[in-house]
Structures are given as C-alpha cells and as structure tokens.
Amino acid sequence: MIFNVTLYLTATITLTVIMDPTGNIPVFLSLVGRRSRESRNKAARQGVLVSLAVISLFAIGGEAILSYLGIGIPALQGAGGLLLLLIALDLLTGKGLTEPQAVEDVNIALVPLGTPLMAGPGAIAATIVFVRQANGQIASYLALAAAILTVHLINYLVLRYSGIVIRLIKDSGIVLVAKIAGLLLAAIAVQLVAESVKGFIGGAA
C-alpha cells in the first residue's frame, strides 16, 4: 500500500475537530474584523502557515523536542491555557477593540491564531500520537502529511471567507462577537489549565 487511507481519514477528522476551524471565526473577526480585506486575508494566510509550521515541526521531532526539554503535554496545556486567558481578558475588557492597530498582522498570525488556537496542545499531542501509529511506514507518513495539509487548507478557506460574516454583522456585531469570543477563549483557557493539572496529578500518582 502506497497510501494509508484509514490513517488519513482518522487524522483529518481528528485534527479538524480539535482545531475547530469554524470555532476560530469569532476570535479571528474580533482581532482583524475592522481591518481591510487584504489585511484579513494576510492574517489568515500567515496564521495557517504558522500553524502548519508548528504542527509539522512536532510531527517530525515532537517527541525528541519534548524529551530534550523535559516538557510533557500537561505543561503545554498549562502554558497554552494561560496564554489564551491573557488574550481573552483583552477581548473582554475591550482593549483589543479600542486599539485595533496595536497588534501587527504577523503577531496575530503567531499568537493567538497560529498558536495556540490552531496549533494548540491538543493538535500537537494528537499529531505525536499519529506519528507513533505510523510506526515507520512510508504509506502512513504520507497519509499523515496529507491529512495535516488538508486540515490547514480547510482552516485557511474558513478564515479566508469569514468576510462574508463581517458584511452581515457590521461593526456593532464585531464588538458583540469579540465579547463572545473572549468568554469562549476564557472557558477554553480554564479547561486547558484544568487538564494540565489533571495531567500533572495523574503523572505523579
């Protein structure tokens, strides 16, 4: 077999669910919704490329990197959760809305869009697990690579055409979306920190 279809489908579905492309729209719009279409497209493109680079890096040498640094998945979850919480507080207090140009597109692409929203602890952990399942088989590695590319293409298309939503909700809608996004991000952040604590407790038990 030159291509592992089963692993491709499993990895594509799993990573799509974890990365949640449609769920990232509120955060994306709250950060760049008031900018020009060109700026939004640029941020979407850069964010997806950053996520692709991070996921690819951990697919190639994730276990070696974590082992060398002495970092476990719970530590990644805790760090990601704290980072998201800081961004959520900015959205909830309106800081990100009153100063829309304070953060450059490339910074938005890095944090929080590229990582930890898309290339977060869950996606990184899942990728490492799929690499283990590939077990050195070329067909499985090709399938996993194709799955990673497919998921990031889906993410890009969803963010790229999120402008349709902007035309419907207008500026007032963007403010509302920012508040909702901040609340959702805060909830995700708390969940990540909780899972991090569980992971540390489970590892120590």
N, C-alpha and C. Protein backbone atom coordinates (compact mmCIF):
# COMPACT_ATOMS: atom_id res chain seq x y z
N MET A 1 0.85 -1.20 0.00
CA MET A 1 0.00 0.00 0.00
C MET A 1 0.88 1.25 0.00
N ILE A 2 0.64 2.18 -0.94
CA ILE A 2 1.45 3.38 -1.03
C ILE A 2 0.81 4.55 -0.27
N PHE A 3 -0.40 4.35 0.23
CA PHE A 3 -1.09 5.41 0.96
C PHE A 3 -2.06 4.80 1.96
N ASN A 4 -1.93 5.17 3.23
CA ASN A 4 -2.79 4.64 4.29
C ASN A 4 -4.06 5.50 4.39
N VAL A 5 -5.10 5.08 3.69
CA VAL A 5 -6.35 5.84 3.65
C VAL A 5 -6.99 5.95 5.02
N THR A 6 -6.94 4.87 5.78
CA THR A 6 -7.56 4.85 7.10
C THR A 6 -6.93 5.88 8.02
N LEU A 7 -5.60 5.92 8.04
CA LEU A 7 -4.91 6.90 8.88
C LEU A 7 -5.18 8.32 8.38
N TYR A 8 -5.25 8.50 7.08
CA TYR A 8 -5.53 9.82 6.51
C TYR A 8 -6.88 10.34 6.99
N LEU A 9 -7.90 9.51 6.88
CA LEU A 9 -9.25 9.92 7.27
C LEU A 9 -9.33 10.16 8.78
N THR A 10 -8.73 9.25 9.54
CA THR A 10 -8.76 9.39 11.01
C THR A 10 -8.05 10.66 11.45
N ALA A 11 -6.86 10.91 10.90
CA ALA A 11 -6.09 12.09 11.29
C ALA A 11 -6.78 13.37 10.84
N THR A 12 -7.35 13.37 9.63
CA THR A 12 -8.03 14.56 9.12
C THR A 12 -9.22 14.92 9.98
N ILE A 13 -10.04 13.94 10.29
CA ILE A 13 -11.24 14.19 11.11
C ILE A 13 -10.85 14.64 12.52
N THR A 14 -9.88 13.93 13.11
CA THR A 14 -9.47 14.25 14.48
C THR A 14 -8.89 15.66 14.58
N LEU A 15 -7.97 16.00 13.69
CA LEU A 15 -7.34 17.32 13.74
C LEU A 15 -8.32 18.44 13.41
N THR A 16 -9.27 18.15 12.50
CA THR A 16 -10.28 19.17 12.17
C THR A 16 -11.15 19.47 13.38
N VAL A 17 -11.54 18.41 14.09
CA VAL A 17 -12.37 18.59 15.29
C VAL A 17 -11.59 19.36 16.36
N ILE A 18 -10.32 19.00 16.55
CA ILE A 18 -9.51 19.65 17.58
C ILE A 18 -9.25 21.11 17.23
N MET A 19 -8.86 21.37 15.99
CA MET A 19 -8.55 22.75 15.58
C MET A 19 -9.80 23.61 15.43
N ASP A 20 -10.94 22.98 15.16
CA ASP A 20 -12.23 23.66 15.11
C ASP A 20 -12.20 24.93 14.25
N PRO A 21 -12.07 24.80 12.93
CA PRO A 21 -11.97 25.97 12.04
C PRO A 21 -13.10 26.98 12.21
N THR A 22 -14.34 26.50 12.26
CA THR A 22 -15.47 27.44 12.40
C THR A 22 -15.47 28.09 13.77
N GLY A 23 -15.00 27.37 14.78
CA GLY A 23 -14.95 27.94 16.13
C GLY A 23 -13.93 29.06 16.26
N ASN A 24 -12.96 29.10 15.34
CA ASN A 24 -11.95 30.15 15.37
C ASN A 24 -12.40 31.45 14.73
N ILE A 25 -13.53 31.40 14.02
CA ILE A 25 -14.01 32.59 13.32
C ILE A 25 -14.28 33.76 14.27
N PRO A 26 -14.98 33.56 15.41
CA PRO A 26 -15.23 34.70 16.30
C PRO A 26 -13.95 35.37 16.78
N VAL A 27 -12.94 34.58 17.13
CA VAL A 27 -11.68 35.15 17.59
C VAL A 27 -11.00 35.90 16.45
N PHE A 28 -11.00 35.30 15.28
CA PHE A 28 -10.38 35.91 14.11
C PHE A 28 -11.04 37.25 13.79
N LEU A 29 -12.36 37.28 13.79
CA LEU A 29 -13.08 38.51 13.47
C LEU A 29 -12.88 39.57 14.55
N SER A 30 -12.80 39.14 15.80
CA SER A 30 -12.61 40.10 16.88
C SER A 30 -11.25 40.77 16.80
N LEU A 31 -10.27 40.09 16.23
CA LEU A 31 -8.92 40.62 16.12
C LEU A 31 -8.70 41.45 14.86
N VAL A 32 -9.27 41.02 13.74
CA VAL A 32 -8.99 41.69 12.47
C VAL A 32 -10.25 42.08 11.71
N GLY A 33 -11.40 41.96 12.35
CA GLY A 33 -12.66 42.22 11.67
C GLY A 33 -12.81 43.62 11.12
N ARG A 34 -12.16 44.61 11.76
CA ARG A 34 -12.30 46.00 11.33
C ARG A 34 -11.20 46.42 10.35
N ARG A 35 -10.36 45.51 9.99
CA ARG A 35 -9.28 45.83 9.05
C ARG A 35 -9.73 45.58 7.62
N SER A 36 -8.89 45.96 6.69
CA SER A 36 -9.22 45.79 5.28
C SER A 36 -9.24 44.32 4.91
N ARG A 37 -9.88 44.02 3.80
CA ARG A 37 -9.95 42.62 3.36
C ARG A 37 -8.56 42.07 3.11
N GLU A 38 -7.67 42.90 2.58
CA GLU A 38 -6.30 42.45 2.32
C GLU A 38 -5.59 42.07 3.61
N SER A 39 -5.79 42.86 4.66
CA SER A 39 -5.17 42.58 5.96
C SER A 39 -5.72 41.31 6.56
N ARG A 40 -7.04 41.13 6.42
CA ARG A 40 -7.65 39.91 6.96
C ARG A 40 -7.13 38.68 6.24
N ASN A 41 -7.04 38.76 4.93
CA ASN A 41 -6.55 37.63 4.14
C ASN A 41 -5.09 37.32 4.49
N LYS A 42 -4.31 38.38 4.69
CA LYS A 42 -2.91 38.20 5.05
C LYS A 42 -2.78 37.52 6.41
N ALA A 43 -3.58 37.97 7.37
CA ALA A 43 -3.55 37.38 8.70
C ALA A 43 -3.97 35.92 8.66
N ALA A 44 -5.01 35.61 7.86
CA ALA A 44 -5.47 34.23 7.73
C ALA A 44 -4.38 33.35 7.14
N ARG A 45 -3.74 33.85 6.09
CA ARG A 45 -2.68 33.09 5.42
C ARG A 45 -1.49 32.85 6.35
N GLN A 46 -1.06 33.90 7.03
CA GLN A 46 0.09 33.78 7.91
C GLN A 46 -0.22 32.88 9.11
N GLY A 47 -1.43 33.02 9.65
CA GLY A 47 -1.81 32.20 10.79
C GLY A 47 -1.79 30.71 10.45
N VAL A 48 -2.33 30.37 9.29
CA VAL A 48 -2.36 28.97 8.86
C VAL A 48 -0.94 28.46 8.60
N LEU A 49 -0.10 29.30 8.01
CA LEU A 49 1.28 28.89 7.75
C LEU A 49 2.05 28.68 9.05
N VAL A 50 1.80 29.54 10.03
CA VAL A 50 2.45 29.37 11.34
C VAL A 50 2.01 28.06 11.97
N SER A 51 0.70 27.80 11.93
CA SER A 51 0.18 26.55 12.49
C SER A 51 0.76 25.33 11.77
N LEU A 52 0.83 25.42 10.44
CA LEU A 52 1.38 24.32 9.65
C LEU A 52 2.84 24.07 10.03
N ALA A 53 3.59 25.14 10.21
CA ALA A 53 5.00 25.00 10.58
C ALA A 53 5.15 24.36 11.96
N VAL A 54 4.33 24.78 12.91
CA VAL A 54 4.41 24.24 14.27
C VAL A 54 4.03 22.77 14.30
N ILE A 55 2.90 22.43 13.64
CA ILE A 55 2.45 21.04 13.62
C ILE A 55 3.46 20.15 12.89
N SER A 56 4.01 20.65 11.79
CA SER A 56 5.00 19.87 11.04
C SER A 56 6.25 19.64 11.88
N LEU A 57 6.66 20.67 12.61
CA LEU A 57 7.84 20.55 13.47
C LEU A 57 7.66 19.46 14.51
N PHE A 58 6.48 19.45 15.14
CA PHE A 58 6.23 18.43 16.17
C PHE A 58 5.96 17.07 15.57
N ALA A 59 5.49 17.04 14.32
CA ALA A 59 5.31 15.75 13.66
C ALA A 59 6.67 15.10 13.37
N ILE A 60 7.63 15.94 13.00
CA ILE A 60 8.96 15.43 12.65
C ILE A 60 9.78 15.10 13.89
N GLY A 61 9.77 16.01 14.87
CA GLY A 61 10.63 15.77 16.03
C GLY A 61 10.00 16.12 17.35
N GLY A 62 8.69 15.98 17.43
CA GLY A 62 7.98 16.36 18.64
C GLY A 62 8.43 15.64 19.89
N GLU A 63 8.49 14.32 19.80
CA GLU A 63 8.88 13.54 20.98
C GLU A 63 10.30 13.86 21.41
N ALA A 64 11.18 14.04 20.44
CA ALA A 64 12.58 14.36 20.76
C ALA A 64 12.68 15.73 21.41
N ILE A 65 11.90 16.71 20.90
CA ILE A 65 11.92 18.06 21.45
C ILE A 65 11.42 18.07 22.88
N LEU A 66 10.28 17.44 23.12
CA LEU A 66 9.70 17.41 24.46
C LEU A 66 10.60 16.66 25.44
N SER A 67 11.20 15.57 24.95
CA SER A 67 12.09 14.78 25.80
C SER A 67 13.34 15.58 26.17
N TYR A 68 13.91 16.26 25.19
CA TYR A 68 15.13 17.03 25.42
C TYR A 68 14.90 18.17 26.41
N LEU A 69 13.76 18.85 26.28
CA LEU A 69 13.44 19.98 27.15
C LEU A 69 12.81 19.54 28.46
N GLY A 70 12.46 18.27 28.56
CA GLY A 70 11.82 17.77 29.77
C GLY A 70 10.41 18.30 29.95
N ILE A 71 9.74 18.52 28.82
CA ILE A 71 8.38 19.07 28.84
C ILE A 71 7.38 17.97 28.48
N GLY A 72 6.29 17.93 29.21
CA GLY A 72 5.21 16.98 28.91
C GLY A 72 4.02 17.70 28.31
N ILE A 73 3.06 16.93 27.83
CA ILE A 73 1.84 17.51 27.28
C ILE A 73 1.10 18.37 28.31
N PRO A 74 1.03 17.95 29.59
CA PRO A 74 0.36 18.82 30.58
C PRO A 74 0.98 20.21 30.68
N ALA A 75 2.30 20.30 30.55
CA ALA A 75 2.96 21.61 30.59
C ALA A 75 2.55 22.46 29.39
N LEU A 76 2.44 21.83 28.22
CA LEU A 76 1.99 22.55 27.03
C LEU A 76 0.56 23.05 27.21
N GLN A 77 -0.28 22.20 27.81
CA GLN A 77 -1.67 22.59 28.03
C GLN A 77 -1.75 23.78 28.99
N GLY A 78 -0.96 23.75 30.05
CA GLY A 78 -0.97 24.84 31.03
C GLY A 78 -0.50 26.14 30.41
N ALA A 79 0.59 26.08 29.64
CA ALA A 79 1.12 27.28 29.00
C ALA A 79 0.12 27.85 27.99
N GLY A 80 -0.46 26.97 27.19
CA GLY A 80 -1.46 27.40 26.21
C GLY A 80 -2.67 28.02 26.87
N GLY A 81 -3.09 27.43 27.98
CA GLY A 81 -4.24 27.95 28.71
C GLY A 81 -4.00 29.34 29.27
N LEU A 82 -2.83 29.56 29.86
CA LEU A 82 -2.51 30.88 30.42
C LEU A 82 -2.40 31.93 29.32
N LEU A 83 -1.83 31.54 28.18
CA LEU A 83 -1.70 32.47 27.06
C LEU A 83 -3.08 32.87 26.53
N LEU A 84 -3.96 31.91 26.36
CA LEU A 84 -5.31 32.20 25.89
C LEU A 84 -6.08 33.06 26.89
N LEU A 85 -5.83 32.84 28.18
CA LEU A 85 -6.54 33.61 29.20
C LEU A 85 -6.16 35.09 29.11
N LEU A 86 -4.89 35.38 28.86
CA LEU A 86 -4.46 36.78 28.71
C LEU A 86 -5.16 37.44 27.52
N ILE A 87 -5.25 36.70 26.42
CA ILE A 87 -5.91 37.24 25.22
C ILE A 87 -7.40 37.42 25.46
N ALA A 88 -8.00 36.47 26.17
CA ALA A 88 -9.43 36.54 26.48
C ALA A 88 -9.74 37.77 27.32
N LEU A 89 -8.88 38.08 28.28
CA LEU A 89 -9.10 39.25 29.13
C LEU A 89 -9.04 40.54 28.31
N ASP A 90 -8.13 40.58 27.32
CA ASP A 90 -8.05 41.75 26.45
C ASP A 90 -9.33 41.94 25.66
N LEU A 91 -9.88 40.84 25.16
CA LEU A 91 -11.11 40.92 24.37
C LEU A 91 -12.30 41.32 25.24
N LEU A 92 -12.36 40.78 26.44
CA LEU A 92 -13.49 41.06 27.33
C LEU A 92 -13.47 42.50 27.84
N THR A 93 -12.28 43.06 28.03
CA THR A 93 -12.18 44.43 28.52
C THR A 93 -12.22 45.45 27.40
N GLY A 94 -12.20 44.97 26.15
CA GLY A 94 -12.29 45.87 25.01
C GLY A 94 -10.98 46.46 24.58
N LYS A 95 -9.87 46.05 25.17
CA LYS A 95 -8.57 46.61 24.82
C LYS A 95 -8.23 46.37 23.36
N GLY A 96 -8.56 45.16 22.89
CA GLY A 96 -8.23 44.82 21.51
C GLY A 96 -9.09 45.54 20.50
N LEU A 97 -10.23 46.10 20.97
CA LEU A 97 -11.15 46.79 20.06
C LEU A 97 -10.86 48.28 19.98
N THR A 98 -10.42 48.87 21.09
CA THR A 98 -10.15 50.29 21.10
C THR A 98 -8.83 50.62 20.43
N GLU A 99 -7.94 49.61 20.33
CA GLU A 99 -6.66 49.82 19.67
C GLU A 99 -6.46 48.74 18.61
N PRO A 100 -7.26 48.79 17.55
CA PRO A 100 -7.24 47.73 16.56
C PRO A 100 -5.92 47.60 15.82
N GLN A 101 -5.13 48.66 15.75
CA GLN A 101 -3.88 48.59 15.02
C GLN A 101 -2.69 48.36 15.94
N ALA A 102 -2.92 48.13 17.22
CA ALA A 102 -1.82 48.00 18.17
C ALA A 102 -1.04 46.72 17.95
N VAL A 103 -1.70 45.75 17.36
CA VAL A 103 -1.05 44.46 17.13
C VAL A 103 -0.91 44.25 15.64
N GLU A 104 0.28 43.98 15.16
CA GLU A 104 0.50 43.78 13.74
C GLU A 104 -0.05 42.45 13.29
N ASP A 105 -0.34 42.35 11.99
CA ASP A 105 -0.89 41.12 11.44
C ASP A 105 -0.01 39.92 11.75
N VAL A 106 1.31 40.12 11.62
CA VAL A 106 2.21 38.99 11.83
C VAL A 106 2.13 38.49 13.26
N ASN A 107 1.92 39.40 14.24
CA ASN A 107 1.80 38.99 15.63
C ASN A 107 0.50 38.23 15.86
N ILE A 108 -0.57 38.69 15.22
CA ILE A 108 -1.84 37.98 15.31
C ILE A 108 -1.70 36.59 14.72
N ALA A 109 -0.94 36.49 13.63
CA ALA A 109 -0.72 35.20 13.00
C ALA A 109 0.02 34.26 13.93
N LEU A 110 0.96 34.81 14.69
CA LEU A 110 1.73 33.98 15.62
C LEU A 110 0.88 33.61 16.83
N VAL A 111 0.34 34.63 17.48
CA VAL A 111 -0.45 34.46 18.70
C VAL A 111 -1.65 35.39 18.64
N PRO A 112 -2.86 34.91 18.80
CA PRO A 112 -3.21 33.55 19.18
C PRO A 112 -3.64 32.66 18.01
N LEU A 113 -3.65 33.20 16.79
CA LEU A 113 -4.26 32.47 15.68
C LEU A 113 -3.47 31.21 15.32
N GLY A 114 -2.19 31.39 14.96
CA GLY A 114 -1.40 30.23 14.57
C GLY A 114 -1.21 29.25 15.71
N THR A 115 -0.85 29.79 16.85
CA THR A 115 -0.71 29.01 18.07
C THR A 115 -1.05 29.91 19.25
N PRO A 116 -1.85 29.46 20.21
CA PRO A 116 -2.28 28.08 20.43
C PRO A 116 -3.67 27.73 19.92
N LEU A 117 -4.36 28.62 19.15
CA LEU A 117 -5.71 28.27 18.71
C LEU A 117 -5.71 27.09 17.74
N MET A 118 -4.94 27.20 16.66
CA MET A 118 -4.90 26.10 15.70
C MET A 118 -3.88 25.04 16.11
N ALA A 119 -2.63 25.46 16.22
CA ALA A 119 -1.59 24.51 16.63
C ALA A 119 -1.47 24.55 18.15
N GLY A 120 -2.51 24.07 18.81
CA GLY A 120 -2.53 24.06 20.26
C GLY A 120 -2.04 22.74 20.84
N PRO A 121 -2.09 22.62 22.15
CA PRO A 121 -1.63 21.39 22.81
C PRO A 121 -2.35 20.14 22.32
N GLY A 122 -3.66 20.26 22.09
CA GLY A 122 -4.43 19.10 21.62
C GLY A 122 -3.99 18.63 20.25
N ALA A 123 -3.82 19.58 19.33
CA ALA A 123 -3.39 19.23 17.97
C ALA A 123 -1.97 18.68 17.97
N ILE A 124 -1.10 19.26 18.79
CA ILE A 124 0.28 18.78 18.88
C ILE A 124 0.32 17.36 19.44
N ALA A 125 -0.43 17.14 20.52
CA ALA A 125 -0.46 15.81 21.14
C ALA A 125 -1.02 14.77 20.17
N ALA A 126 -2.10 15.13 19.46
CA ALA A 126 -2.71 14.20 18.50
C ALA A 126 -1.73 13.86 17.38
N THR A 127 -1.01 14.87 16.91
CA THR A 127 -0.03 14.65 15.84
C THR A 127 1.06 13.69 16.29
N ILE A 128 1.56 13.87 17.50
CA ILE A 128 2.59 12.97 18.02
C ILE A 128 2.07 11.55 18.12
N VAL A 129 0.82 11.41 18.54
CA VAL A 129 0.20 10.08 18.64
C VAL A 129 0.10 9.43 17.26
N PHE A 130 -0.30 10.19 16.26
CA PHE A 130 -0.42 9.64 14.90
C PHE A 130 0.94 9.26 14.33
N VAL A 131 1.97 10.02 14.69
CA VAL A 131 3.32 9.66 14.25
C VAL A 131 3.72 8.32 14.85
N ARG A 132 3.37 8.11 16.09
CA ARG A 132 3.65 6.83 16.73
C ARG A 132 2.91 5.71 16.01
N GLN A 133 1.66 5.96 15.64
CA GLN A 133 0.85 4.94 14.95
C GLN A 133 1.42 4.62 13.57
N ALA A 134 2.07 5.60 12.94
CA ALA A 134 2.66 5.36 11.63
C ALA A 134 3.72 4.28 11.69
N ASN A 135 4.42 4.21 12.82
CA ASN A 135 5.35 3.12 13.10
C ASN A 135 6.38 2.90 11.99
N GLY A 136 6.88 4.00 11.45
CA GLY A 136 7.95 3.89 10.47
C GLY A 136 7.52 3.51 9.06
N GLN A 137 6.23 3.42 8.79
CA GLN A 137 5.74 3.01 7.47
C GLN A 137 5.57 4.25 6.57
N ILE A 138 6.18 4.21 5.41
CA ILE A 138 6.15 5.34 4.48
C ILE A 138 4.71 5.70 4.10
N ALA A 139 3.88 4.69 3.85
CA ALA A 139 2.49 4.93 3.45
C ALA A 139 1.74 5.71 4.53
N SER A 140 2.04 5.40 5.79
CA SER A 140 1.37 6.07 6.90
C SER A 140 1.89 7.49 7.06
N TYR A 141 3.19 7.68 6.87
CA TYR A 141 3.75 9.03 6.95
C TYR A 141 3.17 9.93 5.86
N LEU A 142 3.02 9.39 4.66
CA LEU A 142 2.43 10.15 3.56
C LEU A 142 0.98 10.52 3.87
N ALA A 143 0.27 9.58 4.45
CA ALA A 143 -1.13 9.82 4.81
C ALA A 143 -1.25 10.91 5.86
N LEU A 144 -0.37 10.86 6.86
CA LEU A 144 -0.40 11.86 7.93
C LEU A 144 -0.03 13.25 7.38
N ALA A 145 0.96 13.30 6.50
CA ALA A 145 1.35 14.57 5.89
C ALA A 145 0.19 15.16 5.08
N ALA A 146 -0.49 14.30 4.34
CA ALA A 146 -1.64 14.75 3.54
C ALA A 146 -2.77 15.23 4.44
N ALA A 147 -2.97 14.56 5.56
CA ALA A 147 -4.02 14.95 6.50
C ALA A 147 -3.72 16.33 7.10
N ILE A 148 -2.48 16.55 7.48
CA ILE A 148 -2.09 17.83 8.05
C ILE A 148 -2.31 18.96 7.04
N LEU A 149 -1.93 18.73 5.80
CA LEU A 149 -2.12 19.73 4.75
C LEU A 149 -3.61 19.99 4.50
N THR A 150 -4.40 18.91 4.49
CA THR A 150 -5.84 19.04 4.25
C THR A 150 -6.51 19.88 5.33
N VAL A 151 -6.18 19.59 6.57
CA VAL A 151 -6.79 20.32 7.69
C VAL A 151 -6.43 21.80 7.65
N HIS A 152 -5.18 22.10 7.30
CA HIS A 152 -4.78 23.51 7.24
C HIS A 152 -5.41 24.23 6.04
N LEU A 153 -5.65 23.50 4.97
CA LEU A 153 -6.36 24.09 3.83
C LEU A 153 -7.79 24.44 4.23
N ILE A 154 -8.42 23.55 4.99
CA ILE A 154 -9.77 23.81 5.48
C ILE A 154 -9.78 25.05 6.37
N ASN A 155 -8.80 25.13 7.28
CA ASN A 155 -8.71 26.29 8.17
C ASN A 155 -8.55 27.58 7.37
N TYR A 156 -7.70 27.54 6.36
CA TYR A 156 -7.47 28.75 5.56
C TYR A 156 -8.74 29.18 4.83
N LEU A 157 -9.43 28.25 4.22
CA LEU A 157 -10.63 28.59 3.47
C LEU A 157 -11.71 29.18 4.38
N VAL A 158 -11.84 28.61 5.59
CA VAL A 158 -12.84 29.11 6.53
C VAL A 158 -12.52 30.54 6.94
N LEU A 159 -11.25 30.81 7.28
CA LEU A 159 -10.87 32.16 7.70
C LEU A 159 -10.87 33.12 6.52
N ARG A 160 -10.44 32.62 5.37
CA ARG A 160 -10.36 33.46 4.17
C ARG A 160 -11.72 34.03 3.79
N TYR A 161 -12.76 33.25 3.94
CA TYR A 161 -14.09 33.69 3.54
C TYR A 161 -14.96 34.10 4.73
N SER A 162 -14.33 34.36 5.87
CA SER A 162 -15.09 34.83 7.03
C SER A 162 -15.58 36.26 6.82
N GLY A 163 -15.05 36.94 5.79
CA GLY A 163 -15.51 38.29 5.48
C GLY A 163 -16.99 38.35 5.17
N ILE A 164 -17.53 37.24 4.72
CA ILE A 164 -18.97 37.18 4.45
C ILE A 164 -19.74 37.46 5.73
N VAL A 165 -19.21 36.94 6.85
CA VAL A 165 -19.86 37.16 8.14
C VAL A 165 -19.80 38.63 8.52
N ILE A 166 -18.66 39.28 8.21
CA ILE A 166 -18.49 40.69 8.56
C ILE A 166 -19.55 41.56 7.87
N ARG A 167 -19.82 41.24 6.61
CA ARG A 167 -20.81 42.03 5.87
C ARG A 167 -22.21 41.88 6.46
N LEU A 168 -22.42 40.80 7.16
CA LEU A 168 -23.74 40.56 7.75
C LEU A 168 -23.90 41.20 9.13
N ILE A 169 -22.84 41.15 9.93
CA ILE A 169 -22.97 41.60 11.33
C ILE A 169 -22.55 43.05 11.55
N LYS A 170 -21.81 43.65 10.63
CA LYS A 170 -21.38 45.06 10.72
C LYS A 170 -20.48 45.28 11.95
N ASP A 171 -20.16 46.57 12.21
CA ASP A 171 -19.24 46.91 13.31
C ASP A 171 -19.81 46.54 14.68
N SER A 172 -21.08 46.82 14.89
CA SER A 172 -21.67 46.51 16.19
C SER A 172 -21.65 45.02 16.46
N GLY A 173 -21.83 44.24 15.40
CA GLY A 173 -21.78 42.79 15.54
C GLY A 173 -20.38 42.31 15.88
N ILE A 174 -19.37 42.99 15.33
CA ILE A 174 -17.99 42.61 15.62
C ILE A 174 -17.67 42.81 17.10
N VAL A 175 -18.19 43.91 17.67
CA VAL A 175 -17.99 44.16 19.11
C VAL A 175 -18.62 43.04 19.93
N LEU A 176 -19.83 42.64 19.56
CA LEU A 176 -20.52 41.56 20.26
C LEU A 176 -19.75 40.25 20.12
N VAL A 177 -19.30 39.99 18.90
CA VAL A 177 -18.54 38.77 18.64
C VAL A 177 -17.26 38.74 19.47
N ALA A 178 -16.62 39.90 19.63
CA ALA A 178 -15.39 39.98 20.41
C ALA A 178 -15.65 39.59 21.87
N LYS A 179 -16.77 40.05 22.42
CA LYS A 179 -17.11 39.71 23.79
C LYS A 179 -17.38 38.21 23.93
N ILE A 180 -18.12 37.67 22.96
CA ILE A 180 -18.42 36.24 22.99
C ILE A 180 -17.14 35.43 22.84
N ALA A 181 -16.28 35.88 21.91
CA ALA A 181 -15.01 35.20 21.69
C ALA A 181 -14.15 35.22 22.95
N GLY A 182 -14.14 36.36 23.64
CA GLY A 182 -13.38 36.46 24.88
C GLY A 182 -13.87 35.49 25.93
N LEU A 183 -15.20 35.38 26.04
CA LEU A 183 -15.78 34.44 27.00
C LEU A 183 -15.43 33.00 26.64
N LEU A 184 -15.55 32.67 25.36
CA LEU A 184 -15.23 31.31 24.92
C LEU A 184 -13.75 31.00 25.12
N LEU A 185 -12.89 31.98 24.80
CA LEU A 185 -11.46 31.77 24.99
C LEU A 185 -11.13 31.57 26.46
N ALA A 186 -11.78 32.32 27.33
CA ALA A 186 -11.54 32.17 28.76
C ALA A 186 -11.94 30.77 29.22
N ALA A 187 -13.07 30.29 28.70
CA ALA A 187 -13.52 28.94 29.06
C ALA A 187 -12.54 27.88 28.56
N ILE A 188 -12.06 28.05 27.31
CA ILE A 188 -11.08 27.12 26.76
C ILE A 188 -9.80 27.16 27.58
N ALA A 189 -9.39 28.36 27.99
CA ALA A 189 -8.18 28.52 28.77
C ALA A 189 -8.29 27.79 30.12
N VAL A 190 -9.42 27.98 30.79
CA VAL A 190 -9.63 27.31 32.08
C VAL A 190 -9.63 25.79 31.90
N GLN A 191 -10.24 25.31 30.80
CA GLN A 191 -10.28 23.87 30.54
C GLN A 191 -8.87 23.33 30.31
N LEU A 192 -8.05 24.07 29.56
CA LEU A 192 -6.68 23.64 29.30
C LEU A 192 -5.88 23.58 30.60
N VAL A 193 -6.04 24.59 31.45
CA VAL A 193 -5.33 24.60 32.72
C VAL A 193 -5.80 23.44 33.61
N ALA A 194 -7.12 23.19 33.60
CA ALA A 194 -7.65 22.07 34.39
C ALA A 194 -7.10 20.73 33.91
N GLU A 195 -7.04 20.57 32.60
CA GLU A 195 -6.49 19.33 32.05
C GLU A 195 -4.99 19.21 32.36
N SER A 196 -4.32 20.36 32.38
CA SER A 196 -2.91 20.37 32.73
C SER A 196 -2.71 19.88 34.17
N VAL A 197 -3.53 20.40 35.06
CA VAL A 197 -3.44 20.00 36.47
C VAL A 197 -3.74 18.50 36.63
N LYS A 198 -4.77 18.03 35.92
CA LYS A 198 -5.10 16.60 35.96
C LYS A 198 -3.94 15.76 35.47
N GLY A 199 -3.30 16.25 34.38
CA GLY A 199 -2.17 15.52 33.82
C GLY A 199 -1.01 15.42 34.80
N PHE A 200 -0.72 16.53 35.50
CA PHE A 200 0.36 16.52 36.48
C PHE A 200 0.03 15.61 37.66
N ILE A 201 -1.23 15.66 38.10
CA ILE A 201 -1.64 14.81 39.23
C ILE A 201 -1.60 13.35 38.83
N GLY A 202 -2.09 13.06 37.61
CA GLY A 202 -2.07 11.69 37.12
C GLY A 202 -0.65 11.15 36.97
N GLY A 203 0.26 12.04 36.53
CA GLY A 203 1.64 11.61 36.35
C GLY A 203 2.34 11.38 37.67
N ALA A 204 1.91 12.14 38.70
CA ALA A 204 2.56 12.00 40.00
C ALA A 204 1.99 10.84 40.81
N ALA A 205 0.76 10.41 40.39
CA ALA A 205 0.10 9.34 41.15
C ALA A 205 0.79 8.00 40.93
